[in-house]
N, C-alpha and C. Protein backbone atom coordinates (compact mmCIF):
# COMPACT_ATOMS: atom_id res chain seq x y z
N MET A 1 -17.53 -34.62 39.87
CA MET A 1 -17.60 -33.23 39.49
C MET A 1 -16.20 -32.67 39.20
N GLY A 2 -15.19 -33.17 39.86
CA GLY A 2 -13.83 -32.70 39.65
C GLY A 2 -13.31 -33.03 38.25
N MET A 3 -13.64 -34.20 37.72
CA MET A 3 -13.19 -34.59 36.38
C MET A 3 -13.82 -33.71 35.30
N ASN A 4 -15.08 -33.32 35.50
CA ASN A 4 -15.74 -32.45 34.53
C ASN A 4 -15.00 -31.12 34.41
N HIS A 5 -14.56 -30.58 35.52
CA HIS A 5 -13.86 -29.29 35.50
C HIS A 5 -12.51 -29.44 34.79
N ILE A 6 -11.87 -30.57 34.96
CA ILE A 6 -10.58 -30.80 34.27
C ILE A 6 -10.80 -30.85 32.76
N PHE A 7 -11.82 -31.60 32.34
CA PHE A 7 -12.09 -31.69 30.90
C PHE A 7 -12.53 -30.35 30.32
N ILE A 8 -13.35 -29.62 31.04
CA ILE A 8 -13.79 -28.30 30.57
C ILE A 8 -12.58 -27.36 30.47
N GLY A 9 -11.68 -27.44 31.45
CA GLY A 9 -10.47 -26.63 31.40
C GLY A 9 -9.60 -26.99 30.21
N MET A 10 -9.50 -28.30 29.92
CA MET A 10 -8.70 -28.73 28.77
C MET A 10 -9.31 -28.24 27.46
N ILE A 11 -10.62 -28.29 27.36
CA ILE A 11 -11.29 -27.82 26.14
C ILE A 11 -11.10 -26.31 26.00
N ALA A 12 -11.22 -25.57 27.08
CA ALA A 12 -11.02 -24.12 27.04
C ALA A 12 -9.59 -23.79 26.62
N ASP A 13 -8.61 -24.55 27.13
CA ASP A 13 -7.22 -24.33 26.74
C ASP A 13 -7.02 -24.61 25.25
N ALA A 14 -7.64 -25.67 24.77
CA ALA A 14 -7.53 -26.01 23.35
C ALA A 14 -8.16 -24.92 22.49
N ASP A 15 -9.30 -24.38 22.93
CA ASP A 15 -9.94 -23.29 22.18
C ASP A 15 -9.07 -22.04 22.15
N ARG A 16 -8.43 -21.73 23.26
CA ARG A 16 -7.53 -20.57 23.30
C ARG A 16 -6.34 -20.78 22.38
N GLN A 17 -5.78 -21.98 22.39
CA GLN A 17 -4.63 -22.28 21.54
C GLN A 17 -5.02 -22.20 20.06
N LEU A 18 -6.20 -22.70 19.73
CA LEU A 18 -6.69 -22.64 18.36
C LEU A 18 -6.90 -21.19 17.94
N ALA A 19 -7.41 -20.36 18.82
CA ALA A 19 -7.62 -18.94 18.52
C ALA A 19 -6.28 -18.25 18.27
N LEU A 20 -5.27 -18.58 19.08
CA LEU A 20 -3.95 -18.00 18.87
C LEU A 20 -3.36 -18.46 17.55
N THR A 21 -3.56 -19.72 17.21
CA THR A 21 -3.06 -20.25 15.95
C THR A 21 -3.75 -19.57 14.77
N ASP A 22 -5.05 -19.37 14.87
CA ASP A 22 -5.79 -18.68 13.81
C ASP A 22 -5.30 -17.25 13.64
N ALA A 23 -5.04 -16.57 14.74
CA ALA A 23 -4.56 -15.20 14.68
C ALA A 23 -3.17 -15.15 14.03
N ALA A 24 -2.32 -16.10 14.37
CA ALA A 24 -0.98 -16.15 13.77
C ALA A 24 -1.07 -16.45 12.28
N ALA A 25 -1.94 -17.36 11.91
CA ALA A 25 -2.11 -17.71 10.50
C ALA A 25 -2.63 -16.50 9.72
N GLN A 26 -3.56 -15.78 10.30
CA GLN A 26 -4.10 -14.59 9.63
C GLN A 26 -3.01 -13.54 9.46
N SER A 27 -2.19 -13.37 10.48
CA SER A 27 -1.10 -12.40 10.39
C SER A 27 -0.12 -12.79 9.29
N LEU A 28 0.16 -14.09 9.18
CA LEU A 28 1.09 -14.54 8.13
C LEU A 28 0.50 -14.32 6.74
N TRP A 29 -0.80 -14.57 6.58
CA TRP A 29 -1.44 -14.32 5.29
C TRP A 29 -1.37 -12.84 4.95
N LEU A 30 -1.63 -11.98 5.93
CA LEU A 30 -1.58 -10.54 5.68
C LEU A 30 -0.16 -10.09 5.33
N LEU A 31 0.81 -10.63 6.03
CA LEU A 31 2.20 -10.30 5.75
C LEU A 31 2.60 -10.76 4.36
N GLY A 32 2.15 -11.95 3.98
CA GLY A 32 2.42 -12.46 2.64
C GLY A 32 1.77 -11.59 1.57
N GLY A 33 0.57 -11.11 1.85
CA GLY A 33 -0.11 -10.23 0.90
C GLY A 33 0.63 -8.91 0.71
N VAL A 34 1.12 -8.36 1.80
CA VAL A 34 1.88 -7.11 1.72
C VAL A 34 3.17 -7.33 0.94
N ALA A 35 3.85 -8.43 1.21
CA ALA A 35 5.09 -8.74 0.50
C ALA A 35 4.83 -8.92 -1.00
N LEU A 36 3.74 -9.59 -1.34
CA LEU A 36 3.40 -9.78 -2.75
C LEU A 36 3.08 -8.45 -3.42
N ALA A 37 2.36 -7.58 -2.73
CA ALA A 37 2.04 -6.27 -3.29
C ALA A 37 3.30 -5.44 -3.50
N LEU A 38 4.22 -5.49 -2.56
CA LEU A 38 5.48 -4.75 -2.72
C LEU A 38 6.32 -5.30 -3.87
N ALA A 39 6.35 -6.61 -4.01
CA ALA A 39 7.10 -7.22 -5.11
C ALA A 39 6.47 -6.81 -6.45
N GLY A 40 5.16 -6.80 -6.52
CA GLY A 40 4.50 -6.38 -7.75
C GLY A 40 4.77 -4.92 -8.08
N ALA A 41 4.74 -4.07 -7.07
CA ALA A 41 5.03 -2.66 -7.28
C ALA A 41 6.48 -2.46 -7.74
N ALA A 42 7.39 -3.22 -7.20
CA ALA A 42 8.80 -3.13 -7.61
C ALA A 42 8.96 -3.59 -9.06
N ALA A 43 8.26 -4.64 -9.45
CA ALA A 43 8.35 -5.13 -10.82
C ALA A 43 7.80 -4.10 -11.80
N VAL A 44 6.71 -3.46 -11.45
CA VAL A 44 6.13 -2.42 -12.31
C VAL A 44 7.08 -1.23 -12.41
N ALA A 45 7.66 -0.83 -11.29
CA ALA A 45 8.60 0.30 -11.29
C ALA A 45 9.83 -0.02 -12.14
N LEU A 46 10.33 -1.23 -12.04
CA LEU A 46 11.48 -1.64 -12.83
C LEU A 46 11.15 -1.62 -14.32
N ALA A 47 10.00 -2.15 -14.67
CA ALA A 47 9.58 -2.16 -16.07
C ALA A 47 9.39 -0.75 -16.59
N ALA A 48 8.85 0.14 -15.78
CA ALA A 48 8.63 1.53 -16.20
C ALA A 48 9.96 2.24 -16.44
N THR A 49 10.92 2.04 -15.57
CA THR A 49 12.21 2.71 -15.75
C THR A 49 12.95 2.12 -16.94
N ARG A 50 12.83 0.83 -17.16
CA ARG A 50 13.49 0.20 -18.31
C ARG A 50 12.87 0.72 -19.61
N SER A 51 11.55 0.86 -19.61
CA SER A 51 10.86 1.37 -20.79
C SER A 51 11.26 2.81 -21.07
N ALA A 52 11.35 3.63 -20.06
CA ALA A 52 11.75 5.02 -20.22
C ALA A 52 13.19 5.12 -20.72
N ARG A 53 14.05 4.25 -20.24
CA ARG A 53 15.45 4.26 -20.65
C ARG A 53 15.58 3.83 -22.11
N ASP A 54 14.76 2.88 -22.56
CA ASP A 54 14.83 2.38 -23.93
C ASP A 54 14.31 3.38 -24.94
N THR A 55 13.34 4.20 -24.58
CA THR A 55 12.74 5.14 -25.53
C THR A 55 13.49 6.46 -25.60
N ARG A 56 14.37 6.71 -24.70
CA ARG A 56 15.12 7.97 -24.66
C ARG A 56 16.20 7.96 -25.76
N ASN A 57 16.60 9.12 -26.21
CA ASN A 57 17.65 9.22 -27.22
C ASN A 57 18.96 8.78 -26.59
N THR A 58 19.58 7.76 -27.14
CA THR A 58 20.79 7.21 -26.53
C THR A 58 22.06 7.79 -27.15
N ARG A 59 21.93 8.63 -28.18
CA ARG A 59 23.13 9.22 -28.80
C ARG A 59 23.70 10.31 -27.90
N GLY A 60 24.98 10.39 -27.87
CA GLY A 60 25.65 11.40 -27.06
C GLY A 60 25.60 12.78 -27.70
N PRO A 61 26.09 13.81 -27.01
CA PRO A 61 26.04 15.18 -27.53
C PRO A 61 26.95 15.40 -28.73
N HIS A 62 27.95 14.55 -28.94
CA HIS A 62 28.92 14.75 -30.04
C HIS A 62 28.65 13.84 -31.21
N ASP A 63 27.56 13.08 -31.20
CA ASP A 63 27.27 12.15 -32.31
C ASP A 63 26.53 12.82 -33.42
C-alpha cells in the first residue's frame, strides 16, 4: 500500500507541473499576441504619419 501512495503522489506532482507549464505557455502566447498587436499598431501609425508628411505642401513660405 505504501508504494501505491508514492506513485500516486508522483503522478499528482507531474500533473501539477504540467498545469504550471501550460499556464506559462499560455501566458507567453498572450504576451506574444500583445507584442504583435503593438508592433502592428506602430507600423500603421508610422505609415500614416509618412503618408501625411508626403501629401503636405513641402514648399516654404518664401518659395
